[in-house]
């Protein structure tokens, strides 16, 4: 796994959904331990738009990959 996610990105469910709807995303990262009810809309949108989804074991690890001190449930890498 990479030590940091490179490039422009948005962090969080709302921002990820907004970016996908605006066709600005190339890859979506999702924490496996995030609440299924909250991340399901992100997964559905990503699949509908044929985006690559990469699963990360924990929200804490995903936050670390984004160089933030808190966990993150979803991250979108922008085009």
PDB file of N, CA and C in Angstrom:
ATOM      1  N   UNK A   1       0.843  -1.188   0.000  1.00  0.00           N
ATOM      2  CA  UNK A   1       0.000   0.000   0.000  1.00  0.00           C
ATOM      3  C   UNK A   1       0.881   1.242   0.000  1.00  0.00           C
ATOM      4  N   UNK A   2       0.377   2.296  -0.584  1.00  0.00           N
ATOM      5  CA  UNK A   2       1.122   3.547  -0.640  1.00  0.00           C
ATOM      6  C   UNK A   2       1.141   4.209   0.729  1.00  0.00           C
ATOM      7  N   UNK A   3       2.107   5.079   0.949  1.00  0.00           N
ATOM      8  CA  UNK A   3       2.195   5.746   2.241  1.00  0.00           C
ATOM      9  C   UNK A   3       1.330   7.009   2.289  1.00  0.00           C
ATOM     10  N   UNK A   4       1.065   7.595   1.146  1.00  0.00           N
ATOM     11  CA  UNK A   4       0.199   8.771   1.058  1.00  0.00           C
ATOM     12  C   UNK A   4      -0.531   8.747  -0.287  1.00  0.00           C
ATOM     13  N   UNK A   5      -1.742   9.279  -0.294  1.00  0.00           N
ATOM     14  CA  UNK A   5      -2.490   9.389  -1.551  1.00  0.00           C
ATOM     15  C   UNK A   5      -2.063  10.672  -2.247  1.00  0.00           C
ATOM     16  N   UNK A   6      -1.608  10.538  -3.463  1.00  0.00           N
ATOM     17  CA  UNK A   6      -1.096  11.685  -4.218  1.00  0.00           C
ATOM     18  C   UNK A   6      -2.202  12.312  -5.067  1.00  0.00           C
ATOM     19  N   UNK A   7      -2.040  13.575  -5.352  1.00  0.00           N
ATOM     20  CA  UNK A   7      -2.952  14.278  -6.241  1.00  0.00           C
ATOM     21  C   UNK A   7      -4.063  14.995  -5.495  1.00  0.00           C
ATOM     22  N   UNK A   8      -4.875  15.706  -6.257  1.00  0.00           N
ATOM     23  CA  UNK A   8      -6.004  16.422  -5.681  1.00  0.00           C
ATOM     24  C   UNK A   8      -7.042  15.415  -5.225  1.00  0.00           C
ATOM     25  N   UNK A   9      -7.639  15.688  -4.075  1.00  0.00           N
ATOM     26  CA  UNK A   9      -8.618  14.756  -3.525  1.00  0.00           C
ATOM     27  C   UNK A   9      -9.654  15.492  -2.696  1.00  0.00           C
ATOM     28  N   UNK A  10     -10.762  14.811  -2.485  1.00  0.00           N
ATOM     29  CA  UNK A  10     -11.764  15.286  -1.534  1.00  0.00           C
ATOM     30  C   UNK A  10     -11.942  14.178  -0.504  1.00  0.00           C
ATOM     31  N   UNK A  11     -12.195  14.591   0.726  1.00  0.00           N
ATOM     32  CA  UNK A  11     -12.292  13.647   1.835  1.00  0.00           C
ATOM     33  C   UNK A  11     -13.685  13.745   2.439  1.00  0.00           C
ATOM     34  N   UNK A  12     -14.299  12.585   2.646  1.00  0.00           N
ATOM     35  CA  UNK A  12     -15.615  12.538   3.278  1.00  0.00           C
ATOM     36  C   UNK A  12     -16.706  12.117   2.315  1.00  0.00           C
ATOM     37  N   UNK A  13     -17.791  11.611   2.891  1.00  0.00           N
ATOM     38  CA  UNK A  13     -18.884  11.068   2.091  1.00  0.00           C
ATOM     39  C   UNK A  13     -19.563  12.138   1.240  1.00  0.00           C
ATOM     40  N   UNK A  14     -19.957  13.253   1.848  1.00  0.00           N
ATOM     41  CA  UNK A  14     -20.667  14.295   1.102  1.00  0.00           C
ATOM     42  C   UNK A  14     -19.833  14.849  -0.048  1.00  0.00           C
ATOM     43  N   UNK A  15     -18.562  15.120   0.233  1.00  0.00           N
ATOM     44  CA  UNK A  15     -17.690  15.670  -0.801  1.00  0.00           C
ATOM     45  C   UNK A  15     -17.426  14.649  -1.907  1.00  0.00           C
ATOM     46  N   UNK A  16     -17.301  13.374  -1.532  1.00  0.00           N
ATOM     47  CA  UNK A  16     -17.085  12.323  -2.523  1.00  0.00           C
ATOM     48  C   UNK A  16     -18.291  12.194  -3.439  1.00  0.00           C
ATOM     49  N   UNK A  17     -19.484  12.172  -2.863  1.00  0.00           N
ATOM     50  CA  UNK A  17     -20.706  12.066  -3.669  1.00  0.00           C
ATOM     51  C   UNK A  17     -20.825  13.249  -4.618  1.00  0.00           C
ATOM     52  N   UNK A  18     -20.572  14.443  -4.108  1.00  0.00           N
ATOM     53  CA  UNK A  18     -20.654  15.648  -4.945  1.00  0.00           C
ATOM     54  C   UNK A  18     -19.661  15.574  -6.107  1.00  0.00           C
ATOM     55  N   UNK A  19     -18.437  15.155  -5.830  1.00  0.00           N
ATOM     56  CA  UNK A  19     -17.420  15.068  -6.880  1.00  0.00           C
ATOM     57  C   UNK A  19     -17.780  14.010  -7.924  1.00  0.00           C
ATOM     58  N   UNK A  20     -18.330  12.870  -7.484  1.00  0.00           N
ATOM     59  CA  UNK A  20     -18.742  11.830  -8.443  1.00  0.00           C
ATOM     60  C   UNK A  20     -19.851  12.359  -9.337  1.00  0.00           C
ATOM     61  N   UNK A  21     -20.832  13.026  -8.743  1.00  0.00           N
ATOM     62  CA  UNK A  21     -21.955  13.572  -9.529  1.00  0.00           C
ATOM     63  C   UNK A  21     -21.476  14.617 -10.535  1.00  0.00           C
ATOM     64  N   UNK A  22     -20.372  15.305 -10.223  1.00  0.00           N
ATOM     65  CA  UNK A  22     -19.820  16.317 -11.124  1.00  0.00           C
ATOM     66  C   UNK A  22     -18.798  15.732 -12.103  1.00  0.00           C
ATOM     67  N   UNK A  23     -18.687  14.410 -12.116  1.00  0.00           N
ATOM     68  CA  UNK A  23     -17.767  13.700 -13.025  1.00  0.00           C
ATOM     69  C   UNK A  23     -16.320  14.165 -12.866  1.00  0.00           C
ATOM     70  N   UNK A  24     -15.897  14.368 -11.630  1.00  0.00           N
ATOM     71  CA  UNK A  24     -14.543  14.851 -11.355  1.00  0.00           C
ATOM     72  C   UNK A  24     -13.620  13.779 -10.784  1.00  0.00           C
ATOM     73  N   UNK A  25     -14.115  12.536 -10.630  1.00  0.00           N
ATOM     74  CA  UNK A  25     -13.396  11.505  -9.881  1.00  0.00           C
ATOM     75  C   UNK A  25     -12.837  10.431 -10.799  1.00  0.00           C
ATOM     76  N   UNK A  26     -11.627   9.949 -10.460  1.00  0.00           N
ATOM     77  CA  UNK A  26     -11.083   8.803 -11.190  1.00  0.00           C
ATOM     78  C   UNK A  26     -10.981   7.564 -10.302  1.00  0.00           C
ATOM     79  N   UNK A  27     -10.784   7.740  -8.990  1.00  0.00           N
ATOM     80  CA  UNK A  27     -10.667   6.610  -8.067  1.00  0.00           C
ATOM     81  C   UNK A  27     -11.329   6.960  -6.740  1.00  0.00           C
ATOM     82  N   UNK A  28     -11.986   5.956  -6.144  1.00  0.00           N
ATOM     83  CA  UNK A  28     -12.616   6.135  -4.835  1.00  0.00           C
ATOM     84  C   UNK A  28     -11.981   5.167  -3.849  1.00  0.00           C
ATOM     85  N   UNK A  29     -11.601   5.683  -2.698  1.00  0.00           N
ATOM     86  CA  UNK A  29     -11.084   4.856  -1.605  1.00  0.00           C
ATOM     87  C   UNK A  29     -12.158   4.790  -0.527  1.00  0.00           C
ATOM     88  N   UNK A  30     -12.412   3.580  -0.021  1.00  0.00           N
ATOM     89  CA  UNK A  30     -13.443   3.387   0.986  1.00  0.00           C
ATOM     90  C   UNK A  30     -12.872   2.562   2.130  1.00  0.00           C
ATOM     91  N   UNK A  31     -13.145   3.010   3.362  1.00  0.00           N
ATOM     92  CA  UNK A  31     -12.705   2.274   4.543  1.00  0.00           C
ATOM     93  C   UNK A  31     -13.668   1.112   4.786  1.00  0.00           C
ATOM     94  N   UNK A  32     -13.115  -0.081   4.970  1.00  0.00           N
ATOM     95  CA  UNK A  32     -13.943  -1.271   5.189  1.00  0.00           C
ATOM     96  C   UNK A  32     -14.728  -1.217   6.496  1.00  0.00           C
ATOM     97  N   UNK A  33     -14.227  -0.479   7.484  1.00  0.00           N
ATOM     98  CA  UNK A  33     -14.922  -0.430   8.769  1.00  0.00           C
ATOM     99  C   UNK A  33     -15.902   0.742   8.888  1.00  0.00           C
ATOM    100  N   UNK A  34     -16.132   1.452   7.791  1.00  0.00           N
ATOM    101  CA  UNK A  34     -17.106   2.549   7.804  1.00  0.00           C
ATOM    102  C   UNK A  34     -18.520   1.966   7.831  1.00  0.00           C
ATOM    103  N   UNK A  35     -19.460   2.731   8.362  1.00  0.00           N
ATOM    104  CA  UNK A  35     -20.856   2.295   8.470  1.00  0.00           C
ATOM    105  C   UNK A  35     -21.436   2.033   7.077  1.00  0.00           C
ATOM    106  N   UNK A  36     -21.892   0.818   6.861  1.00  0.00           N
ATOM    107  CA  UNK A  36     -22.415   0.393   5.555  1.00  0.00           C
ATOM    108  C   UNK A  36     -23.538   1.307   5.056  1.00  0.00           C
ATOM    109  N   UNK A  37     -24.433   1.731   5.953  1.00  0.00           N
ATOM    110  CA  UNK A  37     -25.551   2.592   5.551  1.00  0.00           C
ATOM    111  C   UNK A  37     -25.060   3.920   4.995  1.00  0.00           C
ATOM    112  N   UNK A  38     -23.949   4.408   5.524  1.00  0.00           N
ATOM    113  CA  UNK A  38     -23.431   5.707   5.092  1.00  0.00           C
ATOM    114  C   UNK A  38     -22.642   5.620   3.789  1.00  0.00           C
ATOM    115  N   UNK A  39     -21.893   4.532   3.608  1.00  0.00           N
ATOM    116  CA  UNK A  39     -21.052   4.436   2.417  1.00  0.00           C
ATOM    117  C   UNK A  39     -21.740   3.791   1.222  1.00  0.00           C
ATOM    118  N   UNK A  40     -22.882   3.145   1.439  1.00  0.00           N
ATOM    119  CA  UNK A  40     -23.595   2.479   0.344  1.00  0.00           C
ATOM    120  C   UNK A  40     -23.887   3.432  -0.824  1.00  0.00           C
ATOM    121  N   UNK A  41     -24.354   4.676  -0.589  1.00  0.00           N
ATOM    122  CA  UNK A  41     -24.589   5.584  -1.727  1.00  0.00           C
ATOM    123  C   UNK A  41     -23.320   5.878  -2.525  1.00  0.00           C
ATOM    124  N   UNK A  42     -22.188   5.963  -1.846  1.00  0.00           N
ATOM    125  CA  UNK A  42     -20.906   6.208  -2.529  1.00  0.00           C
ATOM    126  C   UNK A  42     -20.561   5.007  -3.406  1.00  0.00           C
ATOM    127  N   UNK A  43     -20.700   3.811  -2.858  1.00  0.00           N
ATOM    128  CA  UNK A  43     -20.396   2.594  -3.615  1.00  0.00           C
ATOM    129  C   UNK A  43     -21.302   2.494  -4.837  1.00  0.00           C
ATOM    130  N   UNK A  44     -22.596   2.738  -4.642  1.00  0.00           N
ATOM    131  CA  UNK A  44     -23.546   2.663  -5.760  1.00  0.00           C
ATOM    132  C   UNK A  44     -23.199   3.659  -6.865  1.00  0.00           C
ATOM    133  N   UNK A  45     -22.918   4.890  -6.486  1.00  0.00           N
ATOM    134  CA  UNK A  45     -22.561   5.917  -7.478  1.00  0.00           C
ATOM    135  C   UNK A  45     -21.273   5.567  -8.206  1.00  0.00           C
ATOM    136  N   UNK A  46     -20.290   5.087  -7.462  1.00  0.00           N
ATOM    137  CA  UNK A  46     -19.005   4.716  -8.073  1.00  0.00           C
ATOM    138  C   UNK A  46     -19.202   3.581  -9.079  1.00  0.00           C
ATOM    139  N   UNK A  47     -20.008   2.594  -8.710  1.00  0.00           N
ATOM    140  CA  UNK A  47     -20.258   1.479  -9.624  1.00  0.00           C
ATOM    141  C   UNK A  47     -21.032   1.936 -10.860  1.00  0.00           C
ATOM    142  N   UNK A  48     -22.018   2.802 -10.664  1.00  0.00           N
ATOM    143  CA  UNK A  48     -22.805   3.326 -11.791  1.00  0.00           C
ATOM    144  C   UNK A  48     -21.924   4.089 -12.777  1.00  0.00           C
ATOM    145  N   UNK A  49     -20.895   4.751 -12.252  1.00  0.00           N
ATOM    146  CA  UNK A  49     -20.008   5.559 -13.092  1.00  0.00           C
ATOM    147  C   UNK A  49     -18.728   4.814 -13.481  1.00  0.00           C
ATOM    148  N   UNK A  50     -18.693   3.516 -13.219  1.00  0.00           N
ATOM    149  CA  UNK A  50     -17.553   2.649 -13.576  1.00  0.00           C
ATOM    150  C   UNK A  50     -16.226   3.186 -13.037  1.00  0.00           C
ATOM    151  N   UNK A  51     -16.265   3.645 -11.792  1.00  0.00           N
ATOM    152  CA  UNK A  51     -15.055   4.154 -11.154  1.00  0.00           C
ATOM    153  C   UNK A  51     -14.344   3.030 -10.411  1.00  0.00           C
ATOM    154  N   UNK A  52     -13.036   3.139 -10.337  1.00  0.00           N
ATOM    155  CA  UNK A  52     -12.241   2.166  -9.595  1.00  0.00           C
ATOM    156  C   UNK A  52     -12.447   2.404  -8.102  1.00  0.00           C
ATOM    157  N   UNK A  53     -12.762   1.332  -7.368  1.00  0.00           N
ATOM    158  CA  UNK A  53     -12.940   1.411  -5.917  1.00  0.00           C
ATOM    159  C   UNK A  53     -11.817   0.624  -5.256  1.00  0.00           C
ATOM    160  N   UNK A  54     -11.133   1.274  -4.332  1.00  0.00           N
ATOM    161  CA  UNK A  54     -10.077   0.616  -3.565  1.00  0.00           C
ATOM    162  C   UNK A  54     -10.493   0.629  -2.100  1.00  0.00           C
ATOM    163  N   UNK A  55     -10.483  -0.556  -1.495  1.00  0.00           N
ATOM    164  CA  UNK A  55     -10.868  -0.664  -0.091  1.00  0.00           C
ATOM    165  C   UNK A  55      -9.636  -0.629   0.798  1.00  0.00           C
ATOM    166  N   UNK A  56      -9.738   0.144   1.878  1.00  0.00           N
ATOM    167  CA  UNK A  56      -8.674   0.284   2.865  1.00  0.00           C
ATOM    168  C   UNK A  56      -9.215  -0.333   4.163  1.00  0.00           C
ATOM    169  N   UNK A  57      -8.395  -1.065   4.917  1.00  0.00           N
ATOM    170  CA  UNK A  57      -8.898  -1.776   6.097  1.00  0.00           C
ATOM    171  C   UNK A  57      -9.653  -0.926   7.130  1.00  0.00           C
ATOM    172  N   UNK A  58      -9.126   0.258   7.461  1.00  0.00           N
ATOM    173  CA  UNK A  58      -9.766   1.046   8.518  1.00  0.00           C
ATOM    174  C   UNK A  58      -9.877   2.525   8.133  1.00  0.00           C
ATOM    175  N   UNK A  59     -10.821   3.201   8.804  1.00  0.00           N
ATOM    176  CA  UNK A  59     -10.979   4.641   8.602  1.00  0.00           C
ATOM    177  C   UNK A  59      -9.728   5.377   9.066  1.00  0.00           C
ATOM    178  N   UNK A  60      -9.132   4.908  10.146  1.00  0.00           N
ATOM    179  CA  UNK A  60      -7.914   5.536  10.670  1.00  0.00           C
ATOM    180  C   UNK A  60      -6.793   5.473   9.637  1.00  0.00           C
ATOM    181  N   UNK A  61      -6.635   4.306   9.015  1.00  0.00           N
ATOM    182  CA  UNK A  61      -5.594   4.144   7.994  1.00  0.00           C
ATOM    183  C   UNK A  61      -5.862   5.034   6.786  1.00  0.00           C
ATOM    184  N   UNK A  62      -7.134   5.132   6.378  1.00  0.00           N
ATOM    185  CA  UNK A  62      -7.475   5.989   5.234  1.00  0.00           C
ATOM    186  C   UNK A  62      -7.193   7.450   5.563  1.00  0.00           C
ATOM    187  N   UNK A  63      -7.508   7.866   6.775  1.00  0.00           N
ATOM    188  CA  UNK A  63      -7.171   9.227   7.204  1.00  0.00           C
ATOM    189  C   UNK A  63      -5.672   9.463   7.171  1.00  0.00           C
ATOM    190  N   UNK A  64      -4.907   8.482   7.628  1.00  0.00           N
ATOM    191  CA  UNK A  64      -3.440   8.577   7.617  1.00  0.00           C
ATOM    192  C   UNK A  64      -2.925   8.714   6.181  1.00  0.00           C
ATOM    193  N   UNK A  65      -3.521   7.966   5.247  1.00  0.00           N
ATOM    194  CA  UNK A  65      -3.109   8.061   3.845  1.00  0.00           C
ATOM    195  C   UNK A  65      -3.362   9.452   3.268  1.00  0.00           C
ATOM    196  N   UNK A  66      -4.320  10.156   3.860  1.00  0.00           N
ATOM    197  CA  UNK A  66      -4.641  11.512   3.395  1.00  0.00           C
ATOM    198  C   UNK A  66      -3.911  12.584   4.190  1.00  0.00           C
ATOM    199  N   UNK A  67      -3.048  12.153   5.119  1.00  0.00           N
ATOM    200  CA  UNK A  67      -2.271  13.069   5.959  1.00  0.00           C
ATOM    201  C   UNK A  67      -3.158  13.922   6.849  1.00  0.00           C
ATOM    202  N   UNK A  68      -4.249  13.309   7.371  1.00  0.00           N
ATOM    203  CA  UNK A  68      -5.084  13.994   8.354  1.00  0.00           C
ATOM    204  C   UNK A  68      -5.047  13.182   9.643  1.00  0.00           C
ATOM    205  N   UNK A  69      -5.335  13.839  10.764  1.00  0.00           N
ATOM    206  CA  UNK A  69      -5.219  13.197  12.075  1.00  0.00           C
ATOM    207  C   UNK A  69      -6.488  12.489  12.530  1.00  0.00           C
ATOM    208  N   UNK A  70      -7.503  12.451  11.693  1.00  0.00           N
ATOM    209  CA  UNK A  70      -8.748  11.770  12.024  1.00  0.00           C
ATOM    210  C   UNK A  70      -9.052  10.726  10.950  1.00  0.00           C
ATOM    211  N   UNK A  71      -9.971   9.843  11.249  1.00  0.00           N
ATOM    212  CA  UNK A  71     -10.349   8.824  10.277  1.00  0.00           C
ATOM    213  C   UNK A  71     -11.170   9.400   9.138  1.00  0.00           C
ATOM    214  N   UNK A  72     -11.185   8.686   8.039  1.00  0.00           N
ATOM    215  CA  UNK A  72     -11.982   9.083   6.882  1.00  0.00           C
ATOM    216  C   UNK A  72     -12.707   7.855   6.355  1.00  0.00           C
ATOM    217  N   UNK A  73     -13.981   7.991   6.043  1.00  0.00           N
ATOM    218  CA  UNK A  73     -14.731   6.847   5.527  1.00  0.00           C
ATOM    219  C   UNK A  73     -14.557   6.712   4.023  1.00  0.00           C
ATOM    220  N   UNK A  74     -14.502   7.833   3.313  1.00  0.00           N
ATOM    221  CA  UNK A  74     -14.300   7.803   1.859  1.00  0.00           C
ATOM    222  C   UNK A  74     -13.379   8.928   1.428  1.00  0.00           C
ATOM    223  N   UNK A  75     -12.660   8.669   0.349  1.00  0.00           N
ATOM    224  CA  UNK A  75     -11.798   9.670  -0.281  1.00  0.00           C
ATOM    225  C   UNK A  75     -11.934   9.501  -1.784  1.00  0.00           C
ATOM    226  N   UNK A  76     -12.016  10.589  -2.497  1.00  0.00           N
ATOM    227  CA  UNK A  76     -12.068  10.546  -3.952  1.00  0.00           C
ATOM    228  C   UNK A  76     -10.845  11.242  -4.531  1.00  0.00           C
ATOM    229  N   UNK A  77     -10.135  10.548  -5.401  1.00  0.00           N
ATOM    230  CA  UNK A  77      -9.006  11.153  -6.116  1.00  0.00           C
ATOM    231  C   UNK A  77      -9.580  11.792  -7.372  1.00  0.00           C
ATOM    232  N   UNK A  78      -9.294  13.076  -7.538  1.00  0.00           N
ATOM    233  CA  UNK A  78      -9.869  13.835  -8.653  1.00  0.00           C
ATOM    234  C   UNK A  78      -9.062  13.689  -9.924  1.00  0.00           C
ATOM    235  N   UNK A  79      -9.742  13.878 -11.044  1.00  0.00           N
ATOM    236  CA  UNK A  79      -9.093  13.790 -12.361  1.00  0.00           C
ATOM    237  C   UNK A  79      -8.108  14.929 -12.535  1.00  0.00           C
TER     238      UNK A  79
END
